[in-house]
Amino acid sequence: MANVVDVANKEAKGTDKKFTVVFVLGGPGSGKGTQCAKIVQHFGYTHLSAGDLLREEIKSGSENGTMIQNMIKEGKLVPSEVTVKLLQRAMNESGNDKFLIDGFPRNEENRVAFESV
């Protein structure tokens, strides 16, 4: 159900900040949200939903949000780099170093893009 990856993120100060990331995978209705809520409550992780981050960006009215909305309307997948940047920003802004990410990665390209950050 999950894959743990340690990700090093270079902060502006030049120090390494280590993140623990668990990708929560499963089909619709499989209990991802339920399990994430329990892990957040008991172990202090921050739960990030790729879909929620994309929807928030669309609602922001930003140029990036408009591009995401247009791609979704056209039935296209949002580029991995866009989703990774949204996840990265949310991780940096959270103040936590442990994350549950659901709805991502959706394919091998997504995984490679995330690990390249």
C-alpha atoms as a PDB file:
ATOM      1  CA  MET A   1       0.000   0.000   0.000  1.00  0.00           C
ATOM      2  CA  ALA A   2       2.863   2.393   0.605  1.00  0.00           C
ATOM      3  CA  ASN A   3       6.447   2.977  -0.421  1.00  0.00           C
ATOM      4  CA  VAL A   4       8.833   4.920   1.827  1.00  0.00           C
ATOM      5  CA  VAL A   5      11.346   7.227   0.185  1.00  0.00           C
ATOM      6  CA  ASP A   6      13.827   9.548   1.856  1.00  0.00           C
ATOM      7  CA  VAL A   7      14.067  12.774  -0.071  1.00  0.00           C
ATOM      8  CA  ALA A   8      16.785  15.361   0.510  1.00  0.00           C
ATOM      9  CA  ASN A   9      15.661  18.896  -0.214  1.00  0.00           C
ATOM     10  CA  LYS A  10      18.249  21.674  -0.519  1.00  0.00           C
ATOM     11  CA  GLU A  11      16.946  24.677   1.354  1.00  0.00           C
ATOM     12  CA  ALA A  12      17.931  28.209   0.427  1.00  0.00           C
ATOM     13  CA  LYS A  13      20.421  28.208   3.313  1.00  0.00           C
ATOM     14  CA  GLY A  14      22.290  25.380   1.635  1.00  0.00           C
ATOM     15  CA  THR A  15      21.530  22.818   4.342  1.00  0.00           C
ATOM     16  CA  ASP A  16      20.015  19.440   3.649  1.00  0.00           C
ATOM     17  CA  LYS A  17      16.566  18.852   5.054  1.00  0.00           C
ATOM     18  CA  LYS A  18      15.554  15.196   5.110  1.00  0.00           C
ATOM     19  CA  PHE A  19      11.936  14.310   4.470  1.00  0.00           C
ATOM     20  CA  THR A  20      10.278  10.971   5.067  1.00  0.00           C
ATOM     21  CA  VAL A  21       7.674  10.398   2.379  1.00  0.00           C
ATOM     22  CA  VAL A  22       5.139   7.579   2.230  1.00  0.00           C
ATOM     23  CA  PHE A  23       3.234   7.210  -1.031  1.00  0.00           C
ATOM     24  CA  VAL A  24      -0.222   5.836  -0.253  1.00  0.00           C
ATOM     25  CA  LEU A  25      -1.527   3.851  -3.197  1.00  0.00           C
ATOM     26  CA  GLY A  26      -4.865   2.154  -3.794  1.00  0.00           C
ATOM     27  CA  GLY A  27      -8.012   2.296  -5.836  1.00  0.00           C
ATOM     28  CA  PRO A  28     -11.055   4.455  -5.114  1.00  0.00           C
ATOM     29  CA  GLY A  29     -12.772   3.399  -1.898  1.00  0.00           C
ATOM     30  CA  SER A  30      -9.839   1.273  -0.739  1.00  0.00           C
ATOM     31  CA  GLY A  31      -9.448   3.190   2.521  1.00  0.00           C
ATOM     32  CA  LYS A  32      -6.491   5.454   1.726  1.00  0.00           C
ATOM     33  CA  GLY A  33      -8.071   8.431   3.460  1.00  0.00           C
ATOM     34  CA  THR A  34      -9.062   6.395   6.506  1.00  0.00           C
ATOM     35  CA  GLN A  35      -5.577   4.965   6.923  1.00  0.00           C
ATOM     36  CA  CYS A  36      -3.951   8.364   6.352  1.00  0.00           C
ATOM     37  CA  ALA A  37      -6.127   9.933   9.062  1.00  0.00           C
ATOM     38  CA  LYS A  38      -5.052   7.253  11.550  1.00  0.00           C
ATOM     39  CA  ILE A  39      -1.361   7.644  10.692  1.00  0.00           C
ATOM     40  CA  VAL A  40      -1.590  11.445  10.969  1.00  0.00           C
ATOM     41  CA  GLN A  41      -3.263  11.139  14.381  1.00  0.00           C
ATOM     42  CA  HIS A  42      -0.881   8.563  15.833  1.00  0.00           C
ATOM     43  CA  PHE A  43       2.445   9.333  14.170  1.00  0.00           C
ATOM     44  CA  GLY A  44       2.397  13.053  13.337  1.00  0.00           C
ATOM     45  CA  TYR A  45       2.622  12.841   9.560  1.00  0.00           C
ATOM     46  CA  THR A  46       1.226  15.554   7.288  1.00  0.00           C
ATOM     47  CA  HIS A  47      -1.257  14.214   4.724  1.00  0.00           C
ATOM     48  CA  LEU A  48      -0.972  15.708   1.236  1.00  0.00           C
ATOM     49  CA  SER A  49      -3.405  14.863  -1.549  1.00  0.00           C
ATOM     50  CA  ALA A  50      -2.116  15.544  -5.049  1.00  0.00           C
ATOM     51  CA  GLY A  51      -5.692  16.032  -6.257  1.00  0.00           C
ATOM     52  CA  ASP A  52      -6.459  18.545  -3.506  1.00  0.00           C
ATOM     53  CA  LEU A  53      -3.291  20.509  -4.301  1.00  0.00           C
ATOM     54  CA  LEU A  54      -4.221  20.640  -7.994  1.00  0.00           C
ATOM     55  CA  ARG A  55      -7.765  21.811  -7.154  1.00  0.00           C
ATOM     56  CA  GLU A  56      -6.413  24.489  -4.787  1.00  0.00           C
ATOM     57  CA  GLU A  57      -4.086  25.758  -7.513  1.00  0.00           C
ATOM     58  CA  ILE A  58      -7.001  25.960  -9.967  1.00  0.00           C
ATOM     59  CA  LYS A  59      -9.091  27.891  -7.402  1.00  0.00           C
ATOM     60  CA  SER A  60      -6.223  30.344  -6.863  1.00  0.00           C
ATOM     61  CA  GLY A  61      -6.766  31.727 -10.356  1.00  0.00           C
ATOM     62  CA  SER A  62      -3.029  31.685 -11.042  1.00  0.00           C
ATOM     63  CA  GLU A  63      -1.595  31.194 -14.508  1.00  0.00           C
ATOM     64  CA  ASN A  64      -0.462  27.755 -13.371  1.00  0.00           C
ATOM     65  CA  GLY A  65      -3.990  26.992 -12.125  1.00  0.00           C
ATOM     66  CA  THR A  66      -5.510  27.992 -15.453  1.00  0.00           C
ATOM     67  CA  MET A  67      -3.071  25.719 -17.286  1.00  0.00           C
ATOM     68  CA  ILE A  68      -3.963  22.818 -14.964  1.00  0.00           C
ATOM     69  CA  GLN A  69      -7.683  23.425 -15.450  1.00  0.00           C
ATOM     70  CA  ASN A  70      -7.321  23.487 -19.240  1.00  0.00           C
ATOM     71  CA  MET A  71      -5.329  20.251 -19.270  1.00  0.00           C
ATOM     72  CA  ILE A  72      -7.928  18.499 -17.119  1.00  0.00           C
ATOM     73  CA  LYS A  73     -10.771  19.768 -19.338  1.00  0.00           C
ATOM     74  CA  GLU A  74      -8.922  18.366 -22.365  1.00  0.00           C
ATOM     75  CA  GLY A  75      -8.580  15.002 -20.630  1.00  0.00           C
ATOM     76  CA  LYS A  76      -4.799  15.270 -20.412  1.00  0.00           C
ATOM     77  CA  LEU A  77      -2.604  14.357 -17.474  1.00  0.00           C
ATOM     78  CA  VAL A  78      -1.017  17.272 -15.667  1.00  0.00           C
ATOM     79  CA  PRO A  79       2.766  17.146 -16.269  1.00  0.00           C
ATOM     80  CA  SER A  80       4.701  15.426 -13.491  1.00  0.00           C
ATOM     81  CA  GLU A  81       6.854  18.501 -12.948  1.00  0.00           C
ATOM     82  CA  VAL A  82       3.793  20.628 -12.140  1.00  0.00           C
ATOM     83  CA  THR A  83       2.460  18.197  -9.544  1.00  0.00           C
ATOM     84  CA  VAL A  84       5.928  17.685  -8.048  1.00  0.00           C
ATOM     85  CA  LYS A  85       6.386  21.457  -7.645  1.00  0.00           C
ATOM     86  CA  LEU A  86       3.018  21.740  -5.874  1.00  0.00           C
ATOM     87  CA  LEU A  87       3.939  18.864  -3.556  1.00  0.00           C
ATOM     88  CA  GLN A  88       7.373  20.333  -2.904  1.00  0.00           C
ATOM     89  CA  ARG A  89       5.899  23.732  -2.045  1.00  0.00           C
ATOM     90  CA  ALA A  90       3.345  22.171   0.318  1.00  0.00           C
ATOM     91  CA  MET A  91       6.062  20.119   2.017  1.00  0.00           C
ATOM     92  CA  ASN A  92       8.313  23.140   2.502  1.00  0.00           C
ATOM     93  CA  GLU A  93       5.449  25.273   3.850  1.00  0.00           C
ATOM     94  CA  SER A  94       4.156  22.624   6.272  1.00  0.00           C
ATOM     95  CA  GLY A  95       6.961  22.777   8.820  1.00  0.00           C
ATOM     96  CA  ASN A  96       6.867  18.984   9.121  1.00  0.00           C
ATOM     97  CA  ASP A  97       9.387  16.430   7.868  1.00  0.00           C
ATOM     98  CA  LYS A  98       7.056  13.402   7.562  1.00  0.00           C
ATOM     99  CA  PHE A  99       4.498  13.148   4.771  1.00  0.00           C
ATOM    100  CA  LEU A 100       1.790  10.866   3.448  1.00  0.00           C
ATOM    101  CA  ILE A 101       1.143  11.573  -0.224  1.00  0.00           C
ATOM    102  CA  ASP A 102      -1.926  10.089  -1.845  1.00  0.00           C
ATOM    103  CA  GLY A 103      -2.928  10.260  -5.478  1.00  0.00           C
ATOM    104  CA  PHE A 104       0.710  10.381  -6.546  1.00  0.00           C
ATOM    105  CA  PRO A 105       2.680   8.875  -8.189  1.00  0.00           C
ATOM    106  CA  ARG A 106       0.240   7.606 -10.792  1.00  0.00           C
ATOM    107  CA  ASN A 107       2.906   6.117 -13.037  1.00  0.00           C
ATOM    108  CA  GLU A 108       6.631   5.472 -13.338  1.00  0.00           C
ATOM    109  CA  GLU A 109       7.291   8.894 -14.884  1.00  0.00           C
ATOM    110  CA  ASN A 110       5.699  10.568 -11.832  1.00  0.00           C
ATOM    111  CA  ARG A 111       7.926   8.553  -9.502  1.00  0.00           C
ATOM    112  CA  VAL A 112      11.078   9.422 -11.437  1.00  0.00           C
ATOM    113  CA  ALA A 113      10.134  13.129 -11.504  1.00  0.00           C
ATOM    114  CA  PHE A 114       9.570  13.130  -7.732  1.00  0.00           C
ATOM    115  CA  GLU A 115      12.856  11.391  -6.991  1.00  0.00           C
ATOM    116  CA  SER A 116      14.785  13.804  -9.214  1.00  0.00           C
ATOM    117  CA  VAL A 117      13.897  16.741  -6.934  1.00  0.00           C
END
